[in-house]
């Protein structure tokens, strides 16, 4: 099992996603002899998981069932253990595009945190690229190394435990892109410039406060970065559902055929029209935004090394 290569069969030691529903799923490390408790009953790893194909429907001890999914960076972002606040798919998608990442790219990241963005970056630059990620907190750095090893991507990432603002990324003039998610990114801009390739490298800084953005932009300008711009991504989800609208009384029903959207020459449409007119409503498909919308996460500042 690897987060960058699909494996057909579940093996001992794999990380798998137990899918109970779109709003209910969790990761599990498959181990011979282990069991996992769900609301539908027990899953026995030896008999229910190992040797089965990913995507299989597994029946639990109480008669309920779940799906076992192959892990991906997207699923990991939704289910990973939180050691820090993380980036979600909305910001991750624009980061990978604006940094112009592709297979073979070299990327520097700080800090590693819970590894949400790290897994997406690794999948993007694989199989010949590399991620150099720096984490200030020693325990988080060790946990990140352990996860990368378990997920089969340790050959694509180097984890360093140090202060990027003082010691930099440990590489020079090789990175195609640098990403900063630290409290004072303006203190690391000089090190980011040193890590980037001679010209054309891209940098992105994620900051929740506009005051951080202002200081970071000034530091980028002082270091000679160009094309500096800041943006914010807000996600607005729509639910498509059927709604019933009351038909206004505009006169005779026979004269309103054209306004109902039905073909009066079709016998089946005539029957539906008569039924709807008798009930006084017509059904439509409508896109309705959710009442609760995800708000501000952070500002993304991008720039280019000239």
Foldseek 3Di string as FASTA:
>chain_A
DAQQDDDFAFAQLAWKKWAPDPLDIEIDGQHQQDWDQDPQAIDHRNPFGGGHTQQDWGAHPNGDITGIHHDYLQVCLVHFDFPDDDDHPQVLVVVCVQQVFAAAAEEEEPACGRPSSVRVNLNRNPDNYAYQHEYQDPVNLVVVCVVCVSNVNNVRYDYHHHDCLPVNRPAFQRHLEYEYEDAQCLSNLVSRNRRHHPWFRKYKYWFADVVSVVSNVVSCVVVQWPPKDKDFGWDWDWDKDKDKDFADPPDDLVVCPVVQPFDCVDPVSVVVSVVCVVVRIDIDIDIHIDPDTDDTDTMMIMTTGD
